[in-house]
Amino acid sequence: MSLDFNHISKDLDKEVKKELVYLYNYYDLRFRGYRKWHKKFKKRKLYLHMTSIGFTTADGIVGGVMVNPIVIGTLAGVGVVIQGYIAKTELNKKVERTRIAWSNYRGVYTQIRS
């Protein structure tokens, strides 16, 4: 990687330049990683919530049409298990933590680049 594009001074010695390159690569890796994790957790959260809502809605519709307690219990149980999984894995907190880490690393990454 070359720092010729936008560094602070033209007369940087090799050690400072090497340190800046190391920091740039380190924060670039963290920035991209947390952004990727944030998107992944956000998609997983949305998918699980929609699946849970779908099962619960299907339970209400099927329960009204077919008065079969086995079907009602199965569909409601799956929806509750999915909601329990979301709560157990603390998916909401993971999404928030990765967003905060991503934005913090983005700030440091931008400062190193300029």
N, C-alpha and C. Protein backbone atom coordinates (compact mmCIF):
# COMPACT_ATOMS: atom_id res chain seq x y z
N MET A 1 0.83 -1.18 0.00
CA MET A 1 0.00 0.00 0.00
C MET A 1 0.87 1.23 0.00
N SER A 2 0.49 2.21 -0.70
CA SER A 2 1.26 3.44 -0.82
C SER A 2 0.53 4.58 -0.14
N LEU A 3 1.29 5.39 0.59
CA LEU A 3 0.69 6.54 1.25
C LEU A 3 0.97 7.82 0.46
N ASP A 4 1.22 7.70 -0.81
CA ASP A 4 1.51 8.88 -1.62
C ASP A 4 0.27 9.69 -1.93
N PHE A 5 -0.90 9.11 -1.76
CA PHE A 5 -2.11 9.77 -2.22
C PHE A 5 -2.60 10.87 -1.29
N ASN A 6 -2.49 10.70 0.04
CA ASN A 6 -3.13 11.68 0.91
C ASN A 6 -2.51 11.64 2.31
N HIS A 7 -1.22 11.70 2.43
CA HIS A 7 -0.65 11.69 3.77
C HIS A 7 -0.28 13.10 4.21
N ILE A 8 0.07 13.23 5.45
CA ILE A 8 0.23 14.54 6.06
C ILE A 8 1.45 15.28 5.52
N SER A 9 2.54 14.60 5.37
CA SER A 9 3.78 15.27 4.99
C SER A 9 4.52 14.45 3.94
N LYS A 10 5.23 15.14 3.06
CA LYS A 10 6.00 14.46 2.02
C LYS A 10 7.31 13.90 2.57
N ASP A 11 7.77 14.42 3.70
CA ASP A 11 9.07 13.99 4.23
C ASP A 11 8.93 13.08 5.46
N LEU A 12 8.08 12.08 5.36
CA LEU A 12 7.95 11.09 6.43
C LEU A 12 9.10 10.10 6.34
N ASP A 13 9.65 9.72 7.50
CA ASP A 13 10.69 8.71 7.46
C ASP A 13 10.06 7.32 7.30
N LYS A 14 10.89 6.32 7.06
CA LYS A 14 10.39 4.99 6.73
C LYS A 14 9.64 4.35 7.89
N GLU A 15 10.08 4.60 9.13
CA GLU A 15 9.41 4.00 10.28
C GLU A 15 8.00 4.53 10.48
N VAL A 16 7.84 5.84 10.35
CA VAL A 16 6.51 6.44 10.50
C VAL A 16 5.60 5.97 9.37
N LYS A 17 6.17 5.91 8.18
CA LYS A 17 5.39 5.46 7.04
C LYS A 17 4.97 3.99 7.21
N LYS A 18 5.89 3.18 7.73
CA LYS A 18 5.59 1.77 7.97
C LYS A 18 4.49 1.63 9.04
N GLU A 19 4.57 2.45 10.09
CA GLU A 19 3.56 2.41 11.14
C GLU A 19 2.19 2.84 10.61
N LEU A 20 2.17 3.88 9.78
CA LEU A 20 0.91 4.32 9.20
C LEU A 20 0.30 3.25 8.29
N VAL A 21 1.14 2.58 7.53
CA VAL A 21 0.65 1.51 6.66
C VAL A 21 0.07 0.38 7.51
N TYR A 22 0.77 0.03 8.61
CA TYR A 22 0.28 -1.01 9.49
C TYR A 22 -1.08 -0.62 10.10
N LEU A 23 -1.16 0.59 10.62
CA LEU A 23 -2.42 1.06 11.21
C LEU A 23 -3.54 1.10 10.18
N TYR A 24 -3.21 1.56 8.98
CA TYR A 24 -4.20 1.62 7.90
C TYR A 24 -4.74 0.23 7.61
N ASN A 25 -3.85 -0.74 7.46
CA ASN A 25 -4.29 -2.11 7.15
C ASN A 25 -5.08 -2.72 8.30
N TYR A 26 -4.63 -2.46 9.54
CA TYR A 26 -5.31 -2.99 10.72
C TYR A 26 -6.74 -2.46 10.80
N TYR A 27 -6.90 -1.14 10.71
CA TYR A 27 -8.23 -0.55 10.84
C TYR A 27 -9.09 -0.80 9.62
N ASP A 28 -8.46 -0.97 8.46
CA ASP A 28 -9.22 -1.32 7.27
C ASP A 28 -9.85 -2.70 7.44
N LEU A 29 -9.08 -3.64 7.98
CA LEU A 29 -9.59 -4.98 8.22
C LEU A 29 -10.74 -4.96 9.24
N ARG A 30 -10.57 -4.22 10.32
CA ARG A 30 -11.62 -4.14 11.35
C ARG A 30 -12.87 -3.46 10.80
N PHE A 31 -12.68 -2.38 10.06
CA PHE A 31 -13.80 -1.63 9.49
C PHE A 31 -14.63 -2.52 8.57
N ARG A 32 -13.96 -3.20 7.65
CA ARG A 32 -14.68 -4.05 6.71
C ARG A 32 -15.31 -5.26 7.39
N GLY A 33 -14.61 -5.83 8.38
CA GLY A 33 -15.14 -6.99 9.10
C GLY A 33 -16.40 -6.65 9.88
N TYR A 34 -16.36 -5.56 10.64
CA TYR A 34 -17.54 -5.19 11.42
C TYR A 34 -18.70 -4.76 10.53
N ARG A 35 -18.40 -4.14 9.40
CA ARG A 35 -19.48 -3.77 8.49
C ARG A 35 -20.15 -5.04 7.94
N LYS A 36 -19.33 -6.04 7.62
CA LYS A 36 -19.86 -7.30 7.11
C LYS A 36 -20.69 -8.01 8.18
N TRP A 37 -20.18 -8.07 9.42
CA TRP A 37 -20.92 -8.70 10.51
C TRP A 37 -22.22 -7.97 10.79
N HIS A 38 -22.19 -6.64 10.72
CA HIS A 38 -23.40 -5.86 10.96
C HIS A 38 -24.48 -6.23 9.95
N LYS A 39 -24.11 -6.30 8.69
CA LYS A 39 -25.08 -6.67 7.66
C LYS A 39 -25.59 -8.09 7.88
N LYS A 40 -24.70 -9.00 8.25
CA LYS A 40 -25.08 -10.40 8.46
C LYS A 40 -26.06 -10.53 9.63
N PHE A 41 -25.76 -9.89 10.76
CA PHE A 41 -26.64 -9.98 11.92
C PHE A 41 -27.98 -9.30 11.65
N LYS A 42 -27.94 -8.21 10.90
CA LYS A 42 -29.18 -7.50 10.59
C LYS A 42 -30.09 -8.36 9.72
N LYS A 43 -29.52 -9.02 8.72
CA LYS A 43 -30.30 -9.91 7.86
C LYS A 43 -30.85 -11.09 8.64
N ARG A 44 -30.01 -11.67 9.51
CA ARG A 44 -30.45 -12.82 10.31
C ARG A 44 -31.60 -12.42 11.23
N LYS A 45 -31.48 -11.25 11.85
CA LYS A 45 -32.54 -10.77 12.75
C LYS A 45 -33.84 -10.58 11.99
N LEU A 46 -33.78 -9.92 10.82
CA LEU A 46 -34.97 -9.70 10.02
C LEU A 46 -35.60 -11.02 9.57
N TYR A 47 -34.77 -11.93 9.12
CA TYR A 47 -35.27 -13.24 8.66
C TYR A 47 -35.98 -13.98 9.79
N LEU A 48 -35.36 -14.02 10.96
CA LEU A 48 -35.96 -14.75 12.08
C LEU A 48 -37.25 -14.09 12.56
N HIS A 49 -37.28 -12.76 12.60
CA HIS A 49 -38.51 -12.08 13.02
C HIS A 49 -39.64 -12.34 12.03
N MET A 50 -39.33 -12.26 10.75
CA MET A 50 -40.37 -12.50 9.74
C MET A 50 -40.86 -13.95 9.78
N THR A 51 -39.95 -14.88 10.00
CA THR A 51 -40.35 -16.28 10.09
C THR A 51 -41.25 -16.51 11.30
N SER A 52 -40.87 -15.91 12.42
CA SER A 52 -41.68 -16.05 13.64
C SER A 52 -43.07 -15.44 13.45
N ILE A 53 -43.13 -14.27 12.85
CA ILE A 53 -44.42 -13.62 12.59
C ILE A 53 -45.24 -14.46 11.61
N GLY A 54 -44.58 -15.03 10.62
CA GLY A 54 -45.28 -15.87 9.66
C GLY A 54 -45.91 -17.09 10.31
N PHE A 55 -45.16 -17.75 11.19
CA PHE A 55 -45.72 -18.91 11.89
C PHE A 55 -46.86 -18.52 12.81
N THR A 56 -46.70 -17.40 13.49
CA THR A 56 -47.76 -16.96 14.40
C THR A 56 -49.02 -16.58 13.62
N THR A 57 -48.86 -15.91 12.50
CA THR A 57 -50.00 -15.54 11.67
C THR A 57 -50.66 -16.79 11.08
N ALA A 58 -49.84 -17.71 10.61
CA ALA A 58 -50.39 -18.96 10.06
C ALA A 58 -51.14 -19.72 11.15
N ASP A 59 -50.64 -19.66 12.37
CA ASP A 59 -51.32 -20.30 13.49
C ASP A 59 -52.71 -19.70 13.69
N GLY A 60 -52.80 -18.39 13.63
CA GLY A 60 -54.11 -17.74 13.79
C GLY A 60 -55.07 -18.08 12.68
N ILE A 61 -54.58 -18.12 11.45
CA ILE A 61 -55.44 -18.41 10.31
C ILE A 61 -55.86 -19.88 10.30
N VAL A 62 -54.89 -20.76 10.46
CA VAL A 62 -55.19 -22.19 10.44
C VAL A 62 -56.02 -22.57 11.65
N GLY A 63 -55.75 -21.95 12.78
CA GLY A 63 -56.53 -22.24 13.98
C GLY A 63 -57.98 -21.83 13.83
N GLY A 64 -58.24 -20.77 13.08
CA GLY A 64 -59.62 -20.34 12.84
C GLY A 64 -60.34 -21.24 11.87
N VAL A 65 -59.61 -21.76 10.89
CA VAL A 65 -60.23 -22.62 9.89
C VAL A 65 -60.38 -24.05 10.39
N MET A 66 -59.26 -24.61 10.83
CA MET A 66 -59.27 -25.98 11.36
C MET A 66 -59.14 -25.88 12.88
N VAL A 67 -60.08 -26.38 13.55
CA VAL A 67 -60.03 -26.31 15.01
C VAL A 67 -59.30 -27.57 15.50
N ASN A 68 -58.04 -27.67 15.11
CA ASN A 68 -57.21 -28.81 15.47
C ASN A 68 -56.12 -28.33 16.41
N PRO A 69 -56.12 -28.74 17.66
CA PRO A 69 -55.14 -28.23 18.62
C PRO A 69 -53.70 -28.65 18.31
N ILE A 70 -53.52 -29.75 17.61
CA ILE A 70 -52.16 -30.18 17.28
C ILE A 70 -51.52 -29.20 16.31
N VAL A 71 -52.25 -28.80 15.28
CA VAL A 71 -51.73 -27.85 14.30
C VAL A 71 -51.49 -26.49 14.95
N ILE A 72 -52.44 -26.05 15.76
CA ILE A 72 -52.30 -24.75 16.44
C ILE A 72 -51.08 -24.77 17.36
N GLY A 73 -50.93 -25.83 18.13
CA GLY A 73 -49.80 -25.94 19.05
C GLY A 73 -48.47 -26.01 18.34
N THR A 74 -48.43 -26.74 17.23
CA THR A 74 -47.17 -26.87 16.48
C THR A 74 -46.75 -25.53 15.89
N LEU A 75 -47.66 -24.83 15.22
CA LEU A 75 -47.30 -23.55 14.61
C LEU A 75 -46.96 -22.48 15.66
N ALA A 76 -47.74 -22.44 16.73
CA ALA A 76 -47.45 -21.47 17.78
C ALA A 76 -46.14 -21.81 18.47
N GLY A 77 -45.88 -23.09 18.66
CA GLY A 77 -44.64 -23.52 19.31
C GLY A 77 -43.41 -23.14 18.51
N VAL A 78 -43.48 -23.32 17.20
CA VAL A 78 -42.34 -22.95 16.35
C VAL A 78 -42.09 -21.44 16.43
N GLY A 79 -43.14 -20.64 16.37
CA GLY A 79 -42.99 -19.19 16.48
C GLY A 79 -42.39 -18.77 17.81
N VAL A 80 -42.82 -19.41 18.89
CA VAL A 80 -42.30 -19.10 20.22
C VAL A 80 -40.84 -19.53 20.36
N VAL A 81 -40.50 -20.69 19.78
CA VAL A 81 -39.11 -21.17 19.83
C VAL A 81 -38.19 -20.21 19.08
N ILE A 82 -38.62 -19.71 17.94
CA ILE A 82 -37.81 -18.77 17.18
C ILE A 82 -37.63 -17.47 17.97
N GLN A 83 -38.69 -16.97 18.59
CA GLN A 83 -38.56 -15.76 19.41
C GLN A 83 -37.64 -16.02 20.61
N GLY A 84 -37.71 -17.21 21.18
CA GLY A 84 -36.80 -17.57 22.27
C GLY A 84 -35.35 -17.60 21.82
N TYR A 85 -35.12 -18.11 20.61
CA TYR A 85 -33.75 -18.13 20.06
C TYR A 85 -33.23 -16.71 19.87
N ILE A 86 -34.08 -15.82 19.37
CA ILE A 86 -33.67 -14.42 19.17
C ILE A 86 -33.30 -13.80 20.51
N ALA A 87 -34.11 -14.05 21.53
CA ALA A 87 -33.83 -13.49 22.86
C ALA A 87 -32.58 -14.12 23.48
N LYS A 88 -32.39 -15.42 23.31
CA LYS A 88 -31.26 -16.13 23.90
C LYS A 88 -29.94 -15.68 23.30
N THR A 89 -29.90 -15.52 21.99
CA THR A 89 -28.65 -15.13 21.34
C THR A 89 -28.41 -13.63 21.38
N GLU A 90 -29.36 -12.88 21.93
CA GLU A 90 -29.25 -11.42 22.05
C GLU A 90 -28.90 -10.79 20.70
N LEU A 91 -29.67 -11.14 19.70
CA LEU A 91 -29.41 -10.68 18.34
C LEU A 91 -29.53 -9.16 18.22
N ASN A 92 -30.47 -8.56 18.96
CA ASN A 92 -30.62 -7.10 18.91
C ASN A 92 -29.37 -6.41 19.42
N LYS A 93 -28.79 -6.93 20.49
CA LYS A 93 -27.57 -6.33 21.04
C LYS A 93 -26.39 -6.52 20.11
N LYS A 94 -26.31 -7.68 19.44
CA LYS A 94 -25.22 -7.93 18.50
C LYS A 94 -25.29 -6.94 17.34
N VAL A 95 -26.49 -6.69 16.84
CA VAL A 95 -26.65 -5.74 15.74
C VAL A 95 -26.19 -4.36 16.19
N GLU A 96 -26.58 -3.95 17.39
CA GLU A 96 -26.21 -2.63 17.90
C GLU A 96 -24.71 -2.53 18.16
N ARG A 97 -24.12 -3.57 18.75
CA ARG A 97 -22.68 -3.55 19.04
C ARG A 97 -21.85 -3.48 17.76
N THR A 98 -22.23 -4.26 16.74
CA THR A 98 -21.46 -4.22 15.50
C THR A 98 -21.64 -2.89 14.79
N ARG A 99 -22.80 -2.26 14.92
CA ARG A 99 -22.99 -0.94 14.33
C ARG A 99 -22.09 0.09 15.00
N ILE A 100 -22.02 0.05 16.32
CA ILE A 100 -21.17 1.00 17.05
C ILE A 100 -19.69 0.76 16.72
N ALA A 101 -19.25 -0.50 16.72
CA ALA A 101 -17.86 -0.81 16.40
C ALA A 101 -17.53 -0.39 14.98
N TRP A 102 -18.43 -0.65 14.06
CA TRP A 102 -18.22 -0.29 12.66
C TRP A 102 -18.07 1.22 12.51
N SER A 103 -18.92 1.99 13.16
CA SER A 103 -18.83 3.45 13.03
C SER A 103 -17.58 3.99 13.73
N ASN A 104 -17.17 3.40 14.86
CA ASN A 104 -15.94 3.84 15.52
C ASN A 104 -14.71 3.56 14.67
N TYR A 105 -14.63 2.34 14.12
CA TYR A 105 -13.51 2.01 13.25
C TYR A 105 -13.52 2.85 11.98
N ARG A 106 -14.71 3.19 11.50
CA ARG A 106 -14.78 4.05 10.32
C ARG A 106 -14.16 5.41 10.59
N GLY A 107 -14.40 5.97 11.79
CA GLY A 107 -13.81 7.26 12.14
C GLY A 107 -12.31 7.22 12.22
N VAL A 108 -11.77 6.19 12.86
CA VAL A 108 -10.31 6.05 12.98
C VAL A 108 -9.70 5.81 11.59
N TYR A 109 -10.35 4.97 10.81
CA TYR A 109 -9.88 4.65 9.47
C TYR A 109 -9.82 5.91 8.60
N THR A 110 -10.83 6.76 8.72
CA THR A 110 -10.85 8.01 7.96
C THR A 110 -9.75 8.95 8.43
N GLN A 111 -9.48 9.00 9.74
CA GLN A 111 -8.41 9.86 10.24
C GLN A 111 -7.05 9.41 9.75
N ILE A 112 -6.83 8.12 9.67
CA ILE A 112 -5.54 7.61 9.18
C ILE A 112 -5.37 7.92 7.71
N ARG A 113 -6.43 7.81 6.95
CA ARG A 113 -6.35 8.06 5.51
C ARG A 113 -6.09 9.52 5.19
N SER A 114 -6.53 10.44 6.07
CA SER A 114 -6.36 11.85 5.74
C SER A 114 -5.18 12.48 6.45
